[in-house]
Amino acid sequence: MSTFKRATLTGSEELFRPTARPRVVEETPPPAPLPSLEEPEESGPRLKVPLTVDEIDLLLEAIHAAKYPERARRPLPLEKFERYDALRDKLQEHRNGG
């Protein structure tokens, strides 16, 4: 047999004692300010483009297709292709100040 000796753990209770008294908060802190939704001025002015629910759905589909091109099922039907063109034209018109 080996002559293995166990180390004694005397003093280990010092490792687990609280290091400081719990802090008592007497006042409730003011609420944190909400983050601003405004973009920095160098990014340019913000545009408000009125979109219908169908146009928002179309944009979400386009973003999904751009993000995951490997999941594209088949080429776009002509009707959807034309809807993309109409939405692009609408967005360009608002960007150019129309």
N, C-alpha and C. Protein backbone atom coordinates (compact mmCIF):
# COMPACT_ATOMS: atom_id res chain seq x y z
N MET A 1 0.81 -1.18 0.00
CA MET A 1 0.00 0.00 0.00
C MET A 1 0.86 1.25 0.00
N SER A 2 0.26 2.35 -0.52
CA SER A 2 1.03 3.59 -0.57
C SER A 2 0.94 4.30 0.77
N THR A 3 1.78 5.23 0.93
CA THR A 3 1.80 6.00 2.19
C THR A 3 1.18 7.37 1.95
N PHE A 4 -0.03 7.36 1.42
CA PHE A 4 -0.73 8.62 1.12
C PHE A 4 -1.26 9.21 2.41
N LYS A 5 -1.00 10.48 2.62
CA LYS A 5 -1.49 11.16 3.82
C LYS A 5 -2.51 12.21 3.40
N ARG A 6 -3.60 12.26 4.09
CA ARG A 6 -4.63 13.26 3.82
C ARG A 6 -4.24 14.58 4.46
N ALA A 7 -4.54 15.64 3.75
CA ALA A 7 -4.28 16.97 4.31
C ALA A 7 -5.46 17.35 5.19
N THR A 8 -5.18 17.97 6.26
CA THR A 8 -6.26 18.40 7.14
C THR A 8 -6.81 19.72 6.64
N LEU A 9 -8.09 19.93 6.84
CA LEU A 9 -8.76 21.12 6.35
C LEU A 9 -9.00 22.13 7.46
N THR A 10 -8.12 22.22 8.36
CA THR A 10 -8.29 23.20 9.42
C THR A 10 -8.18 24.60 8.84
N GLY A 11 -9.08 25.45 9.26
CA GLY A 11 -9.08 26.82 8.78
C GLY A 11 -9.91 27.03 7.53
N SER A 12 -10.52 25.95 6.97
CA SER A 12 -11.30 26.12 5.75
C SER A 12 -12.56 26.93 5.99
N GLU A 13 -13.02 26.98 7.22
CA GLU A 13 -14.22 27.80 7.49
C GLU A 13 -13.95 29.27 7.22
N GLU A 14 -12.70 29.66 7.23
CA GLU A 14 -12.35 31.06 6.90
C GLU A 14 -12.66 31.37 5.45
N LEU A 15 -12.60 30.38 4.60
CA LEU A 15 -12.88 30.60 3.18
C LEU A 15 -14.35 30.91 2.92
N PHE A 16 -15.23 30.43 3.78
CA PHE A 16 -16.65 30.56 3.53
C PHE A 16 -17.35 31.57 4.42
N ARG A 17 -16.62 32.32 5.20
CA ARG A 17 -17.27 33.32 6.04
C ARG A 17 -17.59 34.56 5.21
N PRO A 18 -18.64 35.29 5.57
CA PRO A 18 -18.96 36.52 4.83
C PRO A 18 -17.83 37.52 4.97
N THR A 19 -17.53 38.20 3.89
CA THR A 19 -16.42 39.15 3.91
C THR A 19 -16.85 40.55 4.31
N ALA A 20 -18.12 40.86 4.16
CA ALA A 20 -18.60 42.19 4.52
C ALA A 20 -20.04 42.07 5.00
N ARG A 21 -20.46 43.08 5.74
CA ARG A 21 -21.86 43.10 6.17
C ARG A 21 -22.74 43.39 4.96
N PRO A 22 -23.96 42.86 4.96
CA PRO A 22 -24.86 43.18 3.85
C PRO A 22 -25.18 44.66 3.81
N ARG A 23 -25.21 45.20 2.63
CA ARG A 23 -25.48 46.62 2.44
C ARG A 23 -26.96 46.88 2.54
N VAL A 24 -27.33 47.90 3.31
CA VAL A 24 -28.72 48.27 3.46
C VAL A 24 -28.96 49.53 2.65
N VAL A 25 -29.92 49.45 1.71
CA VAL A 25 -30.25 50.59 0.88
C VAL A 25 -31.46 51.27 1.50
N GLU A 26 -31.28 52.52 1.88
CA GLU A 26 -32.36 53.22 2.56
C GLU A 26 -33.30 53.91 1.58
N GLU A 27 -32.79 54.42 0.49
CA GLU A 27 -33.61 55.10 -0.50
C GLU A 27 -33.67 54.25 -1.76
N THR A 28 -34.79 54.35 -2.44
CA THR A 28 -34.86 53.67 -3.72
C THR A 28 -34.13 54.54 -4.74
N PRO A 29 -33.27 53.93 -5.53
CA PRO A 29 -32.53 54.73 -6.51
C PRO A 29 -33.47 55.23 -7.60
N PRO A 30 -33.13 56.36 -8.22
CA PRO A 30 -33.98 56.85 -9.31
C PRO A 30 -33.96 55.85 -10.46
N PRO A 31 -35.06 55.76 -11.17
CA PRO A 31 -35.08 54.79 -12.28
C PRO A 31 -34.07 55.18 -13.35
N ALA A 32 -33.49 54.15 -13.94
CA ALA A 32 -32.50 54.39 -14.98
C ALA A 32 -33.19 55.00 -16.20
N PRO A 33 -32.54 55.95 -16.85
CA PRO A 33 -33.16 56.54 -18.05
C PRO A 33 -33.28 55.50 -19.15
N LEU A 34 -34.36 55.58 -19.88
CA LEU A 34 -34.55 54.66 -21.00
C LEU A 34 -33.60 55.02 -22.13
N PRO A 35 -33.10 54.02 -22.83
CA PRO A 35 -32.20 54.34 -23.94
C PRO A 35 -32.94 55.10 -25.02
N SER A 36 -32.24 56.03 -25.60
CA SER A 36 -32.84 56.87 -26.63
C SER A 36 -32.96 56.08 -27.93
N LEU A 37 -34.07 56.27 -28.60
CA LEU A 37 -34.26 55.63 -29.89
C LEU A 37 -33.72 56.48 -31.03
N GLU A 38 -33.28 57.67 -30.69
CA GLU A 38 -32.73 58.56 -31.71
C GLU A 38 -31.36 58.08 -32.13
N GLU A 39 -31.09 58.14 -33.39
CA GLU A 39 -29.77 57.77 -33.89
C GLU A 39 -28.89 59.00 -33.87
N PRO A 40 -27.59 58.81 -33.85
CA PRO A 40 -26.69 59.96 -33.90
C PRO A 40 -26.95 60.79 -35.15
N GLU A 41 -26.66 62.08 -35.05
CA GLU A 41 -26.92 63.00 -36.16
C GLU A 41 -26.12 62.65 -37.41
N GLU A 42 -24.94 62.04 -37.25
CA GLU A 42 -24.13 61.77 -38.42
C GLU A 42 -24.74 60.68 -39.31
N SER A 43 -25.71 59.92 -38.79
CA SER A 43 -26.32 58.90 -39.62
C SER A 43 -27.38 59.47 -40.55
N GLY A 44 -27.72 60.72 -40.39
CA GLY A 44 -28.69 61.35 -41.27
C GLY A 44 -30.07 61.40 -40.65
N PRO A 45 -30.96 62.10 -41.30
CA PRO A 45 -32.32 62.23 -40.75
C PRO A 45 -33.07 60.91 -40.85
N ARG A 46 -34.01 60.75 -39.95
CA ARG A 46 -34.84 59.55 -39.96
C ARG A 46 -36.05 59.79 -40.83
N LEU A 47 -36.46 58.79 -41.55
CA LEU A 47 -37.62 58.88 -42.41
C LEU A 47 -38.76 58.07 -41.81
N LYS A 48 -39.95 58.58 -41.96
CA LYS A 48 -41.12 57.84 -41.55
C LYS A 48 -41.88 57.47 -42.81
N VAL A 49 -41.92 56.18 -43.07
CA VAL A 49 -42.57 55.69 -44.28
C VAL A 49 -43.81 54.90 -43.84
N PRO A 50 -44.98 55.34 -44.25
CA PRO A 50 -46.18 54.57 -43.88
C PRO A 50 -46.24 53.27 -44.67
N LEU A 51 -46.28 52.15 -43.97
CA LEU A 51 -46.32 50.84 -44.61
C LEU A 51 -47.57 50.09 -44.18
N THR A 52 -48.14 49.35 -45.10
CA THR A 52 -49.28 48.51 -44.78
C THR A 52 -48.77 47.21 -44.15
N VAL A 53 -49.66 46.45 -43.59
CA VAL A 53 -49.28 45.16 -43.00
C VAL A 53 -48.73 44.23 -44.07
N ASP A 54 -49.33 44.26 -45.25
CA ASP A 54 -48.83 43.42 -46.35
C ASP A 54 -47.42 43.80 -46.76
N GLU A 55 -47.13 45.11 -46.78
CA GLU A 55 -45.79 45.57 -47.15
C GLU A 55 -44.77 45.18 -46.08
N ILE A 56 -45.17 45.24 -44.82
CA ILE A 56 -44.26 44.83 -43.74
C ILE A 56 -43.98 43.33 -43.85
N ASP A 57 -45.03 42.54 -44.11
CA ASP A 57 -44.83 41.10 -44.30
C ASP A 57 -43.89 40.81 -45.47
N LEU A 58 -44.06 41.57 -46.54
CA LEU A 58 -43.20 41.40 -47.71
C LEU A 58 -41.74 41.72 -47.36
N LEU A 59 -41.53 42.79 -46.60
CA LEU A 59 -40.17 43.13 -46.17
C LEU A 59 -39.58 42.04 -45.28
N LEU A 60 -40.37 41.52 -44.35
CA LEU A 60 -39.89 40.46 -43.47
C LEU A 60 -39.51 39.21 -44.27
N GLU A 61 -40.31 38.87 -45.27
CA GLU A 61 -39.97 37.74 -46.13
C GLU A 61 -38.67 37.99 -46.88
N ALA A 62 -38.50 39.21 -47.38
CA ALA A 62 -37.29 39.54 -48.14
C ALA A 62 -36.05 39.48 -47.24
N ILE A 63 -36.19 39.98 -46.00
CA ILE A 63 -35.06 39.93 -45.07
C ILE A 63 -34.72 38.48 -44.75
N HIS A 64 -35.74 37.67 -44.53
CA HIS A 64 -35.50 36.26 -44.22
C HIS A 64 -34.81 35.55 -45.39
N ALA A 65 -35.27 35.83 -46.61
CA ALA A 65 -34.65 35.22 -47.79
C ALA A 65 -33.21 35.68 -47.97
N ALA A 66 -32.94 36.95 -47.65
CA ALA A 66 -31.57 37.46 -47.77
C ALA A 66 -30.68 36.87 -46.69
N LYS A 67 -31.24 36.65 -45.52
CA LYS A 67 -30.45 36.12 -44.41
C LYS A 67 -30.16 34.63 -44.59
N TYR A 68 -31.14 33.90 -45.12
CA TYR A 68 -30.99 32.46 -45.31
C TYR A 68 -31.21 32.09 -46.77
N PRO A 69 -30.28 32.43 -47.66
CA PRO A 69 -30.49 32.16 -49.09
C PRO A 69 -30.55 30.66 -49.40
N GLU A 70 -29.92 29.84 -48.57
CA GLU A 70 -29.93 28.40 -48.84
C GLU A 70 -31.32 27.78 -48.62
N ARG A 71 -32.20 28.50 -47.93
CA ARG A 71 -33.55 28.00 -47.68
C ARG A 71 -34.56 28.45 -48.74
N ALA A 72 -34.10 29.19 -49.73
CA ALA A 72 -35.00 29.66 -50.78
C ALA A 72 -35.59 28.46 -51.50
N ARG A 73 -36.89 28.47 -51.64
CA ARG A 73 -37.58 27.31 -52.20
C ARG A 73 -37.45 27.26 -53.72
N ARG A 74 -37.90 28.31 -54.35
CA ARG A 74 -37.91 28.33 -55.82
C ARG A 74 -37.89 29.79 -56.26
N PRO A 75 -37.74 30.03 -57.55
CA PRO A 75 -37.76 31.43 -58.02
C PRO A 75 -39.08 32.11 -57.67
N LEU A 76 -39.00 33.43 -57.50
CA LEU A 76 -40.19 34.21 -57.14
C LEU A 76 -41.24 34.18 -58.23
N PRO A 77 -42.50 34.08 -57.84
CA PRO A 77 -43.56 34.25 -58.84
C PRO A 77 -43.58 35.70 -59.32
N LEU A 78 -44.06 35.91 -60.52
CA LEU A 78 -44.06 37.24 -61.13
C LEU A 78 -44.82 38.25 -60.26
N GLU A 79 -45.94 37.83 -59.65
CA GLU A 79 -46.75 38.74 -58.82
C GLU A 79 -45.94 39.25 -57.64
N LYS A 80 -45.20 38.36 -56.98
CA LYS A 80 -44.40 38.78 -55.82
C LYS A 80 -43.23 39.65 -56.28
N PHE A 81 -42.65 39.32 -57.40
CA PHE A 81 -41.56 40.11 -57.95
C PHE A 81 -42.02 41.55 -58.20
N GLU A 82 -43.22 41.69 -58.73
CA GLU A 82 -43.78 43.03 -58.98
C GLU A 82 -44.09 43.76 -57.67
N ARG A 83 -44.52 43.02 -56.65
CA ARG A 83 -44.77 43.65 -55.34
C ARG A 83 -43.47 44.17 -54.73
N TYR A 84 -42.38 43.41 -54.90
CA TYR A 84 -41.07 43.88 -54.44
C TYR A 84 -40.67 45.17 -55.15
N ASP A 85 -40.89 45.23 -56.46
CA ASP A 85 -40.58 46.43 -57.23
C ASP A 85 -41.40 47.62 -56.74
N ALA A 86 -42.69 47.41 -56.50
CA ALA A 86 -43.55 48.50 -56.04
C ALA A 86 -43.11 49.00 -54.67
N LEU A 87 -42.74 48.08 -53.79
CA LEU A 87 -42.28 48.48 -52.46
C LEU A 87 -40.95 49.21 -52.54
N ARG A 88 -40.06 48.74 -53.41
CA ARG A 88 -38.78 49.43 -53.59
C ARG A 88 -38.99 50.85 -54.11
N ASP A 89 -39.90 50.99 -55.06
CA ASP A 89 -40.20 52.32 -55.61
C ASP A 89 -40.76 53.24 -54.53
N LYS A 90 -41.63 52.72 -53.69
CA LYS A 90 -42.21 53.51 -52.60
C LYS A 90 -41.14 53.98 -51.62
N LEU A 91 -40.24 53.07 -51.26
CA LEU A 91 -39.17 53.43 -50.33
C LEU A 91 -38.21 54.44 -50.94
N GLN A 92 -37.89 54.27 -52.21
CA GLN A 92 -37.00 55.23 -52.87
C GLN A 92 -37.66 56.60 -52.97
N GLU A 93 -38.95 56.63 -53.22
CA GLU A 93 -39.68 57.89 -53.31
C GLU A 93 -39.63 58.65 -51.97
N HIS A 94 -39.79 57.93 -50.87
CA HIS A 94 -39.73 58.57 -49.55
C HIS A 94 -38.31 58.99 -49.20
N ARG A 95 -37.33 58.22 -49.64
CA ARG A 95 -35.93 58.56 -49.35
C ARG A 95 -35.54 59.84 -50.10
N ASN A 96 -36.06 60.00 -51.31
CA ASN A 96 -35.70 61.16 -52.12
C ASN A 96 -36.56 62.38 -51.80
N GLY A 97 -37.41 62.25 -50.79
CA GLY A 97 -38.17 63.43 -50.36
C GLY A 97 -39.51 63.59 -51.04
N GLY A 98 -39.99 62.56 -51.66
CA GLY A 98 -41.25 62.66 -52.40
C GLY A 98 -42.40 62.42 -51.54
